[in-house]
Amino acid sequence: MYGSVGATSPGEWPRREPAQRRDTMTVRDIMTENPIYIEVNQTIQEALDLLYESNIRPLPVVERGELRGILSDRDLKTYTFPTRATVDHAEEALERLQEPVASVMSGAPLSVNAEAEIPEVIELMLDQKIGAVPVTRAGGWELIGIVSYVDVLKAARELF
């Protein structure tokens, strides 16, 4: 038996009716609008709290609504504990938690606009080995959404 669907072989899996196929599907169709983000002047501690409470990654970094960077849980871990964490490093790590996220974020982030087609986003994610891409308004840096590999997979599920 495969999972909990009651099928005994892949050929017996229940079939879903395919979604109406369109010529093009854009990022706007699948993105998460109004994503959670952090401001450049907020602290690393605030970023960690936000990542933990929201269970998201990565975290877009904005300044006055415009995308300035991206912050991953790996960036935070590496910056806060640059070497193997020991008691000797605890004080230094606590001090680093009070620094602004601008000191650890990846600047000049990759982004797409909402009208980009899904295959373009997939190529970008695969080429850059990233799991999510911020979405900005065309012709600018205003953050309007985020598209993740999960969003792409959900869209693919609807097509098949």
C-alpha atoms as a PDB file:
ATOM      1  CA  MET A   1       0.000   0.000   0.000  1.00  0.00           C
ATOM      2  CA  TYR A   2       1.265   3.483  -0.866  1.00  0.00           C
ATOM      3  CA  GLY A   3       0.689   6.093   1.819  1.00  0.00           C
ATOM      4  CA  SER A   4      -2.876   6.325   3.018  1.00  0.00           C
ATOM      5  CA  VAL A   5      -4.651   6.532  -0.323  1.00  0.00           C
ATOM      6  CA  GLY A   6      -5.583   2.847  -0.404  1.00  0.00           C
ATOM      7  CA  ALA A   7      -3.791   2.098  -3.674  1.00  0.00           C
ATOM      8  CA  THR A   8      -1.703  -1.024  -3.960  1.00  0.00           C
ATOM      9  CA  SER A   9       0.425   0.146  -6.873  1.00  0.00           C
ATOM     10  CA  PRO A  10       1.218   3.466  -8.525  1.00  0.00           C
ATOM     11  CA  GLY A  11      -1.124   2.627 -11.425  1.00  0.00           C
ATOM     12  CA  GLU A  12      -4.021   2.416  -8.978  1.00  0.00           C
ATOM     13  CA  TRP A  13      -3.458   5.810  -7.373  1.00  0.00           C
ATOM     14  CA  PRO A  14      -6.548   7.968  -7.448  1.00  0.00           C
ATOM     15  CA  ARG A  15      -6.522  10.375 -10.369  1.00  0.00           C
ATOM     16  CA  ARG A  16      -7.314  14.046  -9.990  1.00  0.00           C
ATOM     17  CA  GLU A  17      -9.062  15.931 -12.713  1.00  0.00           C
ATOM     18  CA  PRO A  18      -6.378  18.092 -14.320  1.00  0.00           C
ATOM     19  CA  ALA A  19      -6.748  21.822 -13.920  1.00  0.00           C
ATOM     20  CA  GLN A  20      -7.676  23.874 -16.936  1.00  0.00           C
ATOM     21  CA  ARG A  21      -4.352  24.245 -18.690  1.00  0.00           C
ATOM     22  CA  ARG A  22      -3.433  27.755 -19.707  1.00  0.00           C
ATOM     23  CA  ASP A  23      -0.807  28.857 -22.144  1.00  0.00           C
ATOM     24  CA  THR A  24       1.126  30.680 -19.455  1.00  0.00           C
ATOM     25  CA  MET A  25       1.120  30.711 -15.702  1.00  0.00           C
ATOM     26  CA  THR A  26       2.829  33.612 -14.011  1.00  0.00           C
ATOM     27  CA  VAL A  27       4.389  34.180 -10.627  1.00  0.00           C
ATOM     28  CA  ARG A  28       1.350  36.300  -9.704  1.00  0.00           C
ATOM     29  CA  ASP A  29      -0.805  33.158  -9.986  1.00  0.00           C
ATOM     30  CA  ILE A  30       1.140  31.236  -7.350  1.00  0.00           C
ATOM     31  CA  MET A  31       3.077  33.693  -5.166  1.00  0.00           C
ATOM     32  CA  THR A  32       2.387  34.426  -1.521  1.00  0.00           C
ATOM     33  CA  GLU A  33       1.288  38.050  -1.387  1.00  0.00           C
ATOM     34  CA  ASN A  34       2.275  40.424   1.412  1.00  0.00           C
ATOM     35  CA  PRO A  35       5.108  38.211   2.662  1.00  0.00           C
ATOM     36  CA  ILE A  36       6.592  38.386   6.121  1.00  0.00           C
ATOM     37  CA  TYR A  37       9.740  40.511   6.056  1.00  0.00           C
ATOM     38  CA  ILE A  38      12.118  42.365   8.340  1.00  0.00           C
ATOM     39  CA  GLU A  39      13.452  45.931   8.160  1.00  0.00           C
ATOM     40  CA  VAL A  40      17.190  46.538   7.652  1.00  0.00           C
ATOM     41  CA  ASN A  41      17.588  48.228  11.041  1.00  0.00           C
ATOM     42  CA  GLN A  42      15.953  45.464  13.090  1.00  0.00           C
ATOM     43  CA  THR A  43      18.214  43.179  15.104  1.00  0.00           C
ATOM     44  CA  ILE A  44      19.448  39.715  14.345  1.00  0.00           C
ATOM     45  CA  GLN A  45      17.582  38.563  17.471  1.00  0.00           C
ATOM     46  CA  GLU A  46      14.340  39.943  16.017  1.00  0.00           C
ATOM     47  CA  ALA A  47      15.050  38.107  12.759  1.00  0.00           C
ATOM     48  CA  LEU A  48      15.644  34.830  14.596  1.00  0.00           C
ATOM     49  CA  ASP A  49      12.423  35.298  16.555  1.00  0.00           C
ATOM     50  CA  LEU A  50      10.491  36.032  13.370  1.00  0.00           C
ATOM     51  CA  LEU A  51      11.921  33.008  11.549  1.00  0.00           C
ATOM     52  CA  TYR A  52      11.112  30.778  14.506  1.00  0.00           C
ATOM     53  CA  GLU A  53       7.594  32.130  15.136  1.00  0.00           C
ATOM     54  CA  SER A  54       6.609  32.174  11.465  1.00  0.00           C
ATOM     55  CA  ASN A  55       8.384  28.979  10.419  1.00  0.00           C
ATOM     56  CA  ILE A  56       9.522  30.608   7.185  1.00  0.00           C
ATOM     57  CA  ARG A  57      12.743  30.940   5.270  1.00  0.00           C
ATOM     58  CA  PRO A  58      14.253  32.904   3.734  1.00  0.00           C
ATOM     59  CA  LEU A  59      13.342  36.282   5.150  1.00  0.00           C
ATOM     60  CA  PRO A  60      13.242  39.290   2.804  1.00  0.00           C
ATOM     61  CA  VAL A  61      14.933  42.415   4.182  1.00  0.00           C
ATOM     62  CA  VAL A  62      13.350  45.735   3.263  1.00  0.00           C
ATOM     63  CA  GLU A  63      13.930  49.429   3.745  1.00  0.00           C
ATOM     64  CA  ARG A  64      10.850  51.638   3.396  1.00  0.00           C
ATOM     65  CA  GLY A  65       9.036  48.844   1.547  1.00  0.00           C
ATOM     66  CA  GLU A  66      11.796  48.187  -0.973  1.00  0.00           C
ATOM     67  CA  LEU A  67      13.750  44.945  -1.116  1.00  0.00           C
ATOM     68  CA  ARG A  68      17.349  45.413   0.046  1.00  0.00           C
ATOM     69  CA  GLY A  69      18.475  41.894   0.873  1.00  0.00           C
ATOM     70  CA  ILE A  70      17.599  38.388   1.883  1.00  0.00           C
ATOM     71  CA  LEU A  71      18.320  36.597   5.125  1.00  0.00           C
ATOM     72  CA  SER A  72      18.527  32.835   5.474  1.00  0.00           C
ATOM     73  CA  ASP A  73      18.661  30.741   8.593  1.00  0.00           C
ATOM     74  CA  ARG A  74      22.106  29.594   7.432  1.00  0.00           C
ATOM     75  CA  ASP A  75      23.324  33.225   7.188  1.00  0.00           C
ATOM     76  CA  LEU A  76      22.191  33.816  10.749  1.00  0.00           C
ATOM     77  CA  LYS A  77      23.728  30.655  12.146  1.00  0.00           C
ATOM     78  CA  THR A  78      27.063  31.246  10.423  1.00  0.00           C
ATOM     79  CA  TYR A  79      27.226  34.885  11.506  1.00  0.00           C
ATOM     80  CA  THR A  80      26.117  34.360  15.085  1.00  0.00           C
ATOM     81  CA  PHE A  81      28.285  31.271  15.621  1.00  0.00           C
ATOM     82  CA  PRO A  82      31.142  31.594  13.083  1.00  0.00           C
ATOM     83  CA  THR A  83      33.075  28.776  14.715  1.00  0.00           C
ATOM     84  CA  ARG A  84      32.022  25.756  16.642  1.00  0.00           C
ATOM     85  CA  ALA A  85      29.728  27.016  19.380  1.00  0.00           C
ATOM     86  CA  THR A  86      31.244  26.726  22.840  1.00  0.00           C
ATOM     87  CA  VAL A  87      30.632  28.432  26.151  1.00  0.00           C
ATOM     88  CA  ASP A  88      33.589  30.723  25.385  1.00  0.00           C
ATOM     89  CA  HIS A  89      31.751  32.075  22.346  1.00  0.00           C
ATOM     90  CA  ALA A  90      28.417  32.626  24.103  1.00  0.00           C
ATOM     91  CA  GLU A  91      29.077  36.237  25.094  1.00  0.00           C
ATOM     92  CA  GLU A  92      30.214  37.156  21.593  1.00  0.00           C
ATOM     93  CA  ALA A  93      27.154  35.446  20.104  1.00  0.00           C
ATOM     94  CA  LEU A  94      24.825  37.335  22.454  1.00  0.00           C
ATOM     95  CA  GLU A  95      26.422  40.619  21.392  1.00  0.00           C
ATOM     96  CA  ARG A  96      25.993  39.748  17.727  1.00  0.00           C
ATOM     97  CA  LEU A  97      22.282  39.167  18.280  1.00  0.00           C
ATOM     98  CA  GLN A  98      21.880  42.901  18.904  1.00  0.00           C
ATOM     99  CA  GLU A  99      23.445  43.932  15.583  1.00  0.00           C
ATOM    100  CA  PRO A 100      21.199  45.013  12.685  1.00  0.00           C
ATOM    101  CA  VAL A 101      20.224  42.448  10.061  1.00  0.00           C
ATOM    102  CA  ALA A 102      21.932  44.668   7.470  1.00  0.00           C
ATOM    103  CA  SER A 103      25.254  43.363   8.838  1.00  0.00           C
ATOM    104  CA  VAL A 104      24.456  39.764   7.930  1.00  0.00           C
ATOM    105  CA  MET A 105      21.957  39.841   5.049  1.00  0.00           C
ATOM    106  CA  SER A 106      22.879  38.948   1.503  1.00  0.00           C
ATOM    107  CA  GLY A 107      22.641  42.205  -0.425  1.00  0.00           C
ATOM    108  CA  ALA A 108      21.636  42.655  -4.064  1.00  0.00           C
ATOM    109  CA  PRO A 109      19.127  39.807  -3.837  1.00  0.00           C
ATOM    110  CA  LEU A 110      17.733  37.955  -6.800  1.00  0.00           C
ATOM    111  CA  SER A 111      14.101  38.766  -7.459  1.00  0.00           C
ATOM    112  CA  VAL A 112      11.435  38.303 -10.105  1.00  0.00           C
ATOM    113  CA  ASN A 113       8.474  40.411 -11.076  1.00  0.00           C
ATOM    114  CA  ALA A 114       4.929  39.121 -10.788  1.00  0.00           C
ATOM    115  CA  GLU A 115       4.528  38.721 -14.548  1.00  0.00           C
ATOM    116  CA  ALA A 116       7.480  36.326 -14.912  1.00  0.00           C
ATOM    117  CA  GLU A 117       6.475  32.912 -16.205  1.00  0.00           C
ATOM    118  CA  ILE A 118       6.838  29.875 -13.963  1.00  0.00           C
ATOM    119  CA  PRO A 119       9.485  28.098 -16.112  1.00  0.00           C
ATOM    120  CA  GLU A 120      11.721  31.182 -15.718  1.00  0.00           C
ATOM    121  CA  VAL A 121      11.393  31.000 -11.935  1.00  0.00           C
ATOM    122  CA  ILE A 122      12.099  27.278 -11.919  1.00  0.00           C
ATOM    123  CA  GLU A 123      15.277  27.842 -13.955  1.00  0.00           C
ATOM    124  CA  LEU A 124      16.382  30.618 -11.598  1.00  0.00           C
ATOM    125  CA  MET A 125      15.789  28.443  -8.527  1.00  0.00           C
ATOM    126  CA  LEU A 126      17.636  25.488 -10.034  1.00  0.00           C
ATOM    127  CA  ASP A 127      20.550  27.542 -11.394  1.00  0.00           C
ATOM    128  CA  GLN A 128      21.052  29.445  -8.135  1.00  0.00           C
ATOM    129  CA  LYS A 129      20.139  26.525  -5.834  1.00  0.00           C
ATOM    130  CA  ILE A 130      17.589  28.598  -3.913  1.00  0.00           C
ATOM    131  CA  GLY A 131      14.230  27.612  -2.491  1.00  0.00           C
ATOM    132  CA  ALA A 132      12.414  30.934  -2.697  1.00  0.00           C
ATOM    133  CA  VAL A 133      12.563  34.178  -4.639  1.00  0.00           C
ATOM    134  CA  PRO A 134      11.190  37.572  -3.584  1.00  0.00           C
ATOM    135  CA  VAL A 135       8.695  39.125  -5.996  1.00  0.00           C
ATOM    136  CA  THR A 136       9.024  42.836  -6.733  1.00  0.00           C
ATOM    137  CA  ARG A 137       6.814  45.244  -8.627  1.00  0.00           C
ATOM    138  CA  ALA A 138       7.896  45.545 -12.271  1.00  0.00           C
ATOM    139  CA  GLY A 139      10.450  48.287 -12.782  1.00  0.00           C
ATOM    140  CA  GLY A 140      11.303  48.674  -9.118  1.00  0.00           C
ATOM    141  CA  TRP A 141      12.226  47.050  -5.826  1.00  0.00           C
ATOM    142  CA  GLU A 142       8.898  47.242  -3.973  1.00  0.00           C
ATOM    143  CA  LEU A 143       8.368  43.858  -2.308  1.00  0.00           C
ATOM    144  CA  ILE A 144       4.928  42.475  -3.207  1.00  0.00           C
ATOM    145  CA  GLY A 145       5.324  38.736  -2.670  1.00  0.00           C
ATOM    146  CA  ILE A 146       7.505  35.681  -2.498  1.00  0.00           C
ATOM    147  CA  VAL A 147       7.425  32.474  -4.512  1.00  0.00           C
ATOM    148  CA  SER A 148       8.864  29.263  -3.091  1.00  0.00           C
ATOM    149  CA  TYR A 149       9.550  25.801  -4.422  1.00  0.00           C
ATOM    150  CA  VAL A 150       6.452  24.687  -2.486  1.00  0.00           C
ATOM    151  CA  ASP A 151       4.332  27.197  -4.442  1.00  0.00           C
ATOM    152  CA  VAL A 152       5.766  25.821  -7.695  1.00  0.00           C
ATOM    153  CA  LEU A 153       5.064  22.220  -6.663  1.00  0.00           C
ATOM    154  CA  LYS A 154       1.482  23.059  -5.675  1.00  0.00           C
ATOM    155  CA  ALA A 155       0.937  24.638  -9.095  1.00  0.00           C
ATOM    156  CA  ALA A 156       2.407  21.561 -10.794  1.00  0.00           C
ATOM    157  CA  ARG A 157       0.113  19.314  -8.747  1.00  0.00           C
ATOM    158  CA  GLU A 158      -2.902  21.219 -10.057  1.00  0.00           C
ATOM    159  CA  LEU A 159      -1.758  20.676 -13.637  1.00  0.00           C
ATOM    160  CA  PHE A 160      -1.277  16.940 -13.339  1.00  0.00           C
END
